[in-house]
C-alpha atoms as a PDB file:
ATOM      1  CA  MET A   1     -69.477 -94.358 -47.906  1.00  0.00           C
ATOM      2  CA  SER A   2     -66.477 -92.163 -47.108  1.00  0.00           C
ATOM      3  CA  ILE A   3     -65.397 -89.502 -49.572  1.00  0.00           C
ATOM      4  CA  LEU A   4     -62.014 -91.249 -49.967  1.00  0.00           C
ATOM      5  CA  LYS A   5     -63.648 -94.554 -50.882  1.00  0.00           C
ATOM      6  CA  ALA A   6     -65.964 -92.772 -53.301  1.00  0.00           C
ATOM      7  CA  PHE A   7     -63.016 -91.092 -55.001  1.00  0.00           C
ATOM      8  CA  ARG A   8     -61.068 -94.336 -55.281  1.00  0.00           C
ATOM      9  CA  ILE A   9     -63.981 -95.931 -57.118  1.00  0.00           C
ATOM     10  CA  PHE A  10     -63.467 -93.455 -59.953  1.00  0.00           C
ATOM     11  CA  SER A  11     -59.683 -93.003 -59.795  1.00  0.00           C
ATOM     12  CA  GLY A  12     -58.399 -96.313 -58.425  1.00  0.00           C
ATOM     13  CA  THR A  13     -55.704 -94.753 -56.243  1.00  0.00           C
ATOM     14  CA  VAL A  14     -54.345 -91.486 -54.891  1.00  0.00           C
ATOM     15  CA  LYS A  15     -50.796 -92.806 -54.504  1.00  0.00           C
ATOM     16  CA  GLN A  16     -49.472 -91.266 -57.711  1.00  0.00           C
ATOM     17  CA  ASN A  17     -50.866 -87.882 -56.769  1.00  0.00           C
ATOM     18  CA  VAL A  18     -49.251 -88.023 -53.320  1.00  0.00           C
ATOM     19  CA  ILE A  19     -45.888 -88.970 -54.820  1.00  0.00           C
ATOM     20  CA  LEU A  20     -46.089 -86.193 -57.401  1.00  0.00           C
ATOM     21  CA  PHE A  21     -47.019 -83.596 -54.825  1.00  0.00           C
ATOM     22  CA  ALA A  22     -44.288 -84.691 -52.395  1.00  0.00           C
ATOM     23  CA  ALA A  23     -41.748 -84.501 -55.215  1.00  0.00           C
ATOM     24  CA  ALA A  24     -42.935 -81.012 -56.151  1.00  0.00           C
ATOM     25  CA  LEU A  25     -42.586 -79.820 -52.562  1.00  0.00           C
ATOM     26  CA  SER A  26     -39.095 -81.292 -52.374  1.00  0.00           C
ATOM     27  CA  VAL A  27     -38.011 -79.561 -55.575  1.00  0.00           C
ATOM     28  CA  THR A  28     -39.449 -76.238 -54.407  1.00  0.00           C
ATOM     29  CA  ALA A  29     -37.737 -76.534 -51.027  1.00  0.00           C
ATOM     30  CA  ALA A  30     -34.453 -77.434 -52.709  1.00  0.00           C
ATOM     31  CA  PHE A  31     -34.624 -74.345 -54.910  1.00  0.00           C
ATOM     32  CA  GLY A  32     -35.481 -72.295 -51.844  1.00  0.00           C
ATOM     33  CA  VAL A  33     -32.408 -73.508 -49.966  1.00  0.00           C
ATOM     34  CA  VAL A  34     -30.155 -72.901 -52.963  1.00  0.00           C
ATOM     35  CA  GLY A  35     -31.629 -69.434 -53.467  1.00  0.00           C
ATOM     36  CA  ARG A  36     -30.958 -68.465 -49.863  1.00  0.00           C
ATOM     37  CA  PHE A  37     -27.310 -69.450 -49.826  1.00  0.00           C
ATOM     38  CA  THR A  38     -26.134 -68.749 -53.363  1.00  0.00           C
ATOM     39  CA  VAL A  39     -24.362 -65.499 -54.238  1.00  0.00           C
ATOM     40  CA  LYS A  40     -24.599 -65.929 -57.999  1.00  0.00           C
ATOM     41  CA  ASP A  41     -27.036 -63.522 -59.618  1.00  0.00           C
ATOM     42  CA  PHE A  42     -27.766 -65.806 -62.564  1.00  0.00           C
ATOM     43  CA  VAL A  43     -28.713 -68.622 -60.176  1.00  0.00           C
ATOM     44  CA  THR A  44     -31.116 -66.483 -58.167  1.00  0.00           C
ATOM     45  CA  GLY A  45     -32.529 -65.054 -61.401  1.00  0.00           C
ATOM     46  CA  PHE A  46     -33.152 -68.539 -62.755  1.00  0.00           C
ATOM     47  CA  ILE A  47     -34.861 -69.640 -59.547  1.00  0.00           C
ATOM     48  CA  GLU A  48     -37.098 -66.558 -59.417  1.00  0.00           C
ATOM     49  CA  GLY A  49     -38.135 -67.177 -63.020  1.00  0.00           C
ATOM     50  CA  PHE A  50     -38.506 -70.940 -62.784  1.00  0.00           C
ATOM     51  CA  VAL A  51     -40.411 -71.405 -59.527  1.00  0.00           C
ATOM     52  CA  PRO A  52     -43.563 -69.445 -60.572  1.00  0.00           C
ATOM     53  CA  LEU A  53     -43.831 -71.496 -63.778  1.00  0.00           C
ATOM     54  CA  PHE A  54     -43.183 -74.663 -61.805  1.00  0.00           C
ATOM     55  CA  THR A  55     -46.035 -73.612 -59.521  1.00  0.00           C
ATOM     56  CA  VAL A  56     -48.456 -73.581 -62.444  1.00  0.00           C
ATOM     57  CA  VAL A  57     -47.410 -77.099 -63.479  1.00  0.00           C
ATOM     58  CA  VAL A  58     -47.843 -78.395 -59.930  1.00  0.00           C
ATOM     59  CA  VAL A  59     -51.284 -76.842 -59.573  1.00  0.00           C
ATOM     60  CA  MET A  60     -52.431 -78.328 -62.881  1.00  0.00           C
ATOM     61  CA  MET A  61     -50.902 -81.796 -62.633  1.00  0.00           C
ATOM     62  CA  SER A  62     -51.164 -82.486 -58.920  1.00  0.00           C
ATOM     63  CA  GLY A  63     -54.507 -80.915 -58.151  1.00  0.00           C
ATOM     64  CA  LEU A  64     -56.691 -80.199 -61.144  1.00  0.00           C
ATOM     65  CA  SER A  65     -56.125 -83.663 -62.567  1.00  0.00           C
ATOM     66  CA  LEU A  66     -57.875 -85.133 -59.506  1.00  0.00           C
ATOM     67  CA  ILE A  67     -60.992 -83.067 -60.110  1.00  0.00           C
ATOM     68  CA  LEU A  68     -60.960 -83.780 -63.834  1.00  0.00           C
ATOM     69  CA  VAL A  69     -60.796 -87.554 -63.212  1.00  0.00           C
ATOM     70  CA  VAL A  70     -64.065 -87.369 -61.289  1.00  0.00           C
ATOM     71  CA  PHE A  71     -65.806 -85.186 -63.866  1.00  0.00           C
ATOM     72  CA  ASN A  72     -64.679 -87.471 -66.689  1.00  0.00           C
ATOM     73  CA  ALA A  73     -66.318 -90.443 -64.975  1.00  0.00           C
ATOM     74  CA  ASN A  74     -69.622 -88.889 -65.975  1.00  0.00           C
ATOM     75  CA  GLU A  75     -68.781 -89.211 -69.675  1.00  0.00           C
ATOM     76  CA  PRO A  76     -70.109 -92.175 -71.741  1.00  0.00           C
ATOM     77  CA  SER A  77     -66.626 -92.597 -73.193  1.00  0.00           C
ATOM     78  CA  ALA A  78     -65.061 -93.133 -69.748  1.00  0.00           C
ATOM     79  CA  VAL A  79     -63.562 -96.534 -68.974  1.00  0.00           C
ATOM     80  CA  GLY A  80     -65.871 -98.148 -66.416  1.00  0.00           C
ATOM     81  CA  TYR A  81     -68.817 -95.903 -67.293  1.00  0.00           C
ATOM     82  CA  LYS A  82     -71.378 -98.725 -67.161  1.00  0.00           C
ATOM     83  CA  TYR A  83     -69.966 -99.984 -63.878  1.00  0.00           C
ATOM     84  CA  TYR A  84     -70.262 -96.528 -62.315  1.00  0.00           C
ATOM     85  CA  ARG A  85     -73.887 -96.394 -63.412  1.00  0.00           C
ATOM     86  CA  SER A  86     -74.616 -99.741 -61.784  1.00  0.00           C
ATOM     87  CA  LEU A  87     -73.490 -98.589 -58.349  1.00  0.00           C
ATOM     88  CA  PRO A  88     -76.156 -98.046 -55.705  1.00  0.00           C
ATOM     89  CA  ARG A  89     -76.643 -94.322 -55.070  1.00  0.00           C
ATOM     90  CA  ALA A  90     -74.232 -93.605 -57.916  1.00  0.00           C
ATOM     91  CA  ALA A  91     -75.051 -89.898 -58.052  1.00  0.00           C
ATOM     92  CA  GLU A  92     -74.198 -89.492 -54.363  1.00  0.00           C
ATOM     93  CA  THR A  93     -70.960 -91.434 -54.869  1.00  0.00           C
ATOM     94  CA  PHE A  94     -70.070 -89.071 -57.703  1.00  0.00           C
ATOM     95  CA  ARG A  95     -70.749 -86.072 -55.471  1.00  0.00           C
ATOM     96  CA  ARG A  96     -68.678 -87.476 -52.602  1.00  0.00           C
ATOM     97  CA  ALA A  97     -65.777 -88.192 -54.942  1.00  0.00           C
ATOM     98  CA  LEU A  98     -65.925 -84.616 -56.171  1.00  0.00           C
ATOM     99  CA  ILE A  99     -65.860 -83.339 -52.589  1.00  0.00           C
ATOM    100  CA  PHE A 100     -62.713 -85.361 -51.888  1.00  0.00           C
ATOM    101  CA  ALA A 101     -60.980 -84.171 -55.069  1.00  0.00           C
ATOM    102  CA  ASP A 102     -61.740 -80.536 -54.275  1.00  0.00           C
ATOM    103  CA  ILE A 103     -60.621 -80.828 -50.650  1.00  0.00           C
ATOM    104  CA  VAL A 104     -57.314 -82.447 -51.595  1.00  0.00           C
ATOM    105  CA  THR A 105     -56.675 -79.960 -54.387  1.00  0.00           C
ATOM    106  CA  ILE A 106     -57.359 -76.922 -52.188  1.00  0.00           C
ATOM    107  CA  ALA A 107     -55.244 -78.398 -49.373  1.00  0.00           C
ATOM    108  CA  GLN A 108     -52.349 -78.977 -51.757  1.00  0.00           C
ATOM    109  CA  ILE A 109     -52.523 -75.397 -53.009  1.00  0.00           C
ATOM    110  CA  ALA A 110     -52.506 -74.120 -49.421  1.00  0.00           C
ATOM    111  CA  VAL A 111     -49.549 -76.298 -48.402  1.00  0.00           C
ATOM    112  CA  PHE A 112     -47.595 -75.435 -51.533  1.00  0.00           C
ATOM    113  CA  GLY A 113     -48.253 -71.742 -50.965  1.00  0.00           C
ATOM    114  CA  ALA A 114     -47.081 -72.005 -47.347  1.00  0.00           C
ATOM    115  CA  VAL A 115     -43.820 -73.657 -48.405  1.00  0.00           C
ATOM    116  CA  GLU A 116     -43.264 -70.962 -51.005  1.00  0.00           C
ATOM    117  CA  ALA A 117     -43.945 -68.242 -48.439  1.00  0.00           C
ATOM    118  CA  PHE A 118     -41.342 -69.749 -46.113  1.00  0.00           C
ATOM    119  CA  PHE A 119     -38.611 -69.966 -48.744  1.00  0.00           C
ATOM    120  CA  PHE A 120     -39.456 -67.152 -51.173  1.00  0.00           C
ATOM    121  CA  GLY A 121     -41.710 -64.707 -49.364  1.00  0.00           C
ATOM    122  CA  TYR A 122     -45.417 -63.952 -49.427  1.00  0.00           C
ATOM    123  CA  ARG A 123     -45.492 -62.553 -52.983  1.00  0.00           C
ATOM    124  CA  LEU A 124     -45.006 -66.028 -54.457  1.00  0.00           C
ATOM    125  CA  MET A 125     -47.596 -67.433 -52.081  1.00  0.00           C
ATOM    126  CA  ILE A 126     -50.067 -64.833 -53.420  1.00  0.00           C
ATOM    127  CA  PHE A 127     -49.149 -65.932 -56.934  1.00  0.00           C
ATOM    128  CA  THR A 128     -49.792 -69.602 -56.155  1.00  0.00           C
ATOM    129  CA  VAL A 129     -52.960 -69.224 -54.100  1.00  0.00           C
ATOM    130  CA  SER A 130     -54.518 -66.791 -56.579  1.00  0.00           C
ATOM    131  CA  ILE A 131     -53.846 -68.938 -59.638  1.00  0.00           C
ATOM    132  CA  GLY A 132     -54.749 -72.161 -57.872  1.00  0.00           C
ATOM    133  CA  ALA A 133     -57.993 -70.924 -56.330  1.00  0.00           C
ATOM    134  CA  PHE A 134     -59.181 -69.208 -59.507  1.00  0.00           C
ATOM    135  CA  VAL A 135     -58.496 -72.203 -61.740  1.00  0.00           C
ATOM    136  CA  VAL A 136     -60.061 -74.659 -59.278  1.00  0.00           C
ATOM    137  CA  GLY A 137     -63.197 -72.541 -59.337  1.00  0.00           C
ATOM    138  CA  LEU A 138     -63.132 -72.400 -63.129  1.00  0.00           C
ATOM    139  CA  ILE A 139     -62.767 -76.146 -63.597  1.00  0.00           C
ATOM    140  CA  ASN A 140     -65.672 -76.725 -61.197  1.00  0.00           C
ATOM    141  CA  PHE A 141     -67.846 -74.353 -63.221  1.00  0.00           C
ATOM    142  CA  LEU A 142     -66.934 -76.098 -66.495  1.00  0.00           C
ATOM    143  CA  GLY A 143     -66.487 -79.697 -65.343  1.00  0.00           C
ATOM    144  CA  LEU A 144     -70.121 -80.701 -65.811  1.00  0.00           C
ATOM    145  CA  CYS A 145     -70.113 -79.653 -69.474  1.00  0.00           C
ATOM    146  CA  ARG A 146     -70.359 -82.430 -72.037  1.00  0.00           C
ATOM    147  CA  SER A 147     -67.538 -81.150 -74.249  1.00  0.00           C
ATOM    148  CA  PRO A 148     -64.073 -82.455 -73.282  1.00  0.00           C
ATOM    149  CA  TYR A 149     -62.543 -79.373 -74.893  1.00  0.00           C
ATOM    150  CA  VAL A 150     -64.430 -77.052 -72.563  1.00  0.00           C
ATOM    151  CA  LYS A 151     -63.043 -78.952 -69.579  1.00  0.00           C
ATOM    152  CA  LEU A 152     -59.500 -78.260 -70.764  1.00  0.00           C
ATOM    153  CA  ILE A 153     -59.981 -74.487 -70.759  1.00  0.00           C
ATOM    154  CA  PRO A 154     -58.756 -74.096 -67.133  1.00  0.00           C
ATOM    155  CA  PHE A 155     -55.470 -75.809 -68.013  1.00  0.00           C
ATOM    156  CA  PHE A 156     -54.808 -73.396 -70.878  1.00  0.00           C
ATOM    157  CA  PHE A 157     -56.064 -70.478 -68.851  1.00  0.00           C
ATOM    158  CA  ALA A 158     -53.652 -71.232 -66.000  1.00  0.00           C
ATOM    159  CA  GLY A 159     -50.617 -70.606 -68.182  1.00  0.00           C
ATOM    160  CA  GLY A 160     -51.906 -67.306 -69.543  1.00  0.00           C
ATOM    161  CA  PHE A 161     -53.080 -66.174 -66.134  1.00  0.00           C
ATOM    162  CA  ALA A 162     -49.722 -67.066 -64.638  1.00  0.00           C
ATOM    163  CA  GLY A 163     -47.805 -65.021 -67.179  1.00  0.00           C
ATOM    164  CA  GLY A 164     -50.069 -61.997 -67.027  1.00  0.00           C
ATOM    165  CA  PHE A 165     -50.485 -62.031 -63.283  1.00  0.00           C
ATOM    166  CA  GLY A 166     -46.788 -62.572 -62.681  1.00  0.00           C
ATOM    167  CA  THR A 167     -45.896 -59.649 -64.958  1.00  0.00           C
ATOM    168  CA  ALA A 168     -48.389 -57.371 -63.241  1.00  0.00           C
ATOM    169  CA  LEU A 169     -47.453 -58.460 -59.735  1.00  0.00           C
ATOM    170  CA  ILE A 170     -43.659 -58.576 -59.686  1.00  0.00           C
ATOM    171  CA  THR A 171     -41.115 -55.990 -60.781  1.00  0.00           C
ATOM    172  CA  GLU A 172     -37.807 -56.738 -62.480  1.00  0.00           C
ATOM    173  CA  GLU A 173     -36.160 -56.486 -59.058  1.00  0.00           C
ATOM    174  CA  GLY A 174     -38.464 -59.157 -57.726  1.00  0.00           C
ATOM    175  CA  GLU A 175     -40.409 -56.767 -55.518  1.00  0.00           C
ATOM    176  CA  LEU A 176     -44.159 -56.746 -55.047  1.00  0.00           C
ATOM    177  CA  LYS A 177     -45.836 -54.011 -57.086  1.00  0.00           C
ATOM    178  CA  LEU A 178     -49.194 -54.231 -55.392  1.00  0.00           C
ATOM    179  CA  SER A 179     -49.991 -52.887 -51.970  1.00  0.00           C
ATOM    180  CA  PRO A 180     -50.939 -55.411 -49.265  1.00  0.00           C
ATOM    181  CA  LEU A 181     -54.558 -54.266 -49.623  1.00  0.00           C
ATOM    182  CA  ALA A 182     -54.567 -54.844 -53.396  1.00  0.00           C
ATOM    183  CA  ALA A 183     -52.925 -58.235 -52.933  1.00  0.00           C
ATOM    184  CA  ALA A 184     -55.568 -59.159 -50.347  1.00  0.00           C
ATOM    185  CA  ILE A 185     -58.322 -58.134 -52.776  1.00  0.00           C
ATOM    186  CA  ILE A 186     -56.850 -60.346 -55.508  1.00  0.00           C
ATOM    187  CA  VAL A 187     -56.598 -63.343 -53.194  1.00  0.00           C
ATOM    188  CA  THR A 188     -60.118 -62.751 -51.870  1.00  0.00           C
ATOM    189  CA  ALA A 189     -61.515 -62.556 -55.402  1.00  0.00           C
ATOM    190  CA  ALA A 190     -59.735 -65.769 -56.433  1.00  0.00           C
ATOM    191  CA  VAL A 191     -60.903 -67.603 -53.324  1.00  0.00           C
ATOM    192  CA  SER A 192     -64.458 -66.366 -53.945  1.00  0.00           C
ATOM    193  CA  VAL A 193     -64.379 -67.778 -57.484  1.00  0.00           C
ATOM    194  CA  CYS A 194     -63.080 -71.056 -56.065  1.00  0.00           C
ATOM    195  CA  ALA A 195     -65.823 -71.275 -53.443  1.00  0.00           C
ATOM    196  CA  ALA A 196     -68.535 -70.364 -55.967  1.00  0.00           C
ATOM    197  CA  GLY A 197     -67.262 -72.939 -58.460  1.00  0.00           C
ATOM    198  CA  VAL A 198     -67.130 -75.732 -55.899  1.00  0.00           C
ATOM    199  CA  ALA A 199     -70.611 -74.868 -54.636  1.00  0.00           C
ATOM    200  CA  PHE A 200     -71.947 -74.800 -58.209  1.00  0.00           C
ATOM    201  CA  ALA A 201     -70.470 -78.210 -59.060  1.00  0.00           C
ATOM    202  CA  LEU A 202     -71.699 -79.888 -55.887  1.00  0.00           C
ATOM    203  CA  PHE A 203     -75.165 -78.371 -56.183  1.00  0.00           C
ATOM    204  CA  ASN A 204     -75.547 -79.527 -59.791  1.00  0.00           C
ATOM    205  CA  SER A 205     -73.673 -82.855 -59.588  1.00  0.00           C
ATOM    206  CA  LYS A 206     -76.759 -84.992 -58.954  1.00  0.00           C
ATOM    207  CA  ARG A 207     -78.692 -83.355 -61.785  1.00  0.00           C
ATOM    208  CA  ALA A 208     -75.763 -83.762 -64.197  1.00  0.00           C
ATOM    209  CA  TRP A 209     -75.303 -87.426 -63.280  1.00  0.00           C
ATOM    210  CA  GLU A 210     -78.980 -88.268 -63.644  1.00  0.00           C
ATOM    211  CA  LYS A 211     -79.148 -86.362 -66.923  1.00  0.00           C
ATOM    212  CA  GLU A 212     -76.495 -88.682 -68.363  1.00  0.00           C
ATOM    213  CA  GLU A 213     -78.547 -91.701 -67.303  1.00  0.00           C
ATOM    214  CA  ARG A 214     -81.529 -90.691 -69.442  1.00  0.00           C
END
């Protein structure tokens, strides 16, 4: 079974996610074009303040929701829970669906960061990739927990991380405070958390699924 087919068993469709992500890219590009050609300080100030917050929303709604849908399928309260359990090789299907959700989420973060780098410079790309990678890793670490409240921690954490990281990273003039080396260290650390979280979730997915069956 392909990873796409496995994911669709739990989510039904990826169409809404694609539409949401395409819309987010369009909005970001539109702000980028306006920011390049406008001469009004209040317009550029609004864009520089709005786009980082918009980034957090996109990362949470477009990407993390995909991963959370798969994790929630392993909950007894999930719609279709008994059907999922009746599937042949259900644990492997769950794992494949999780692989697809993670791949799509990481790809979306990378594409979104590239668009931001083109229109706004690499500092915003660092902002997006760091937040996105760190939170993806966090939700993979917590996604196999039974408590639905624990699974929501990455969503709340993203907002706080965005505010704190943005304040530490960018000056009032919109310049990058950190040296290229420090920025590279931050990105590397975030990507490492992401990779560790994904590996943890995939390694433990079969055990978590079979534990729910008992």
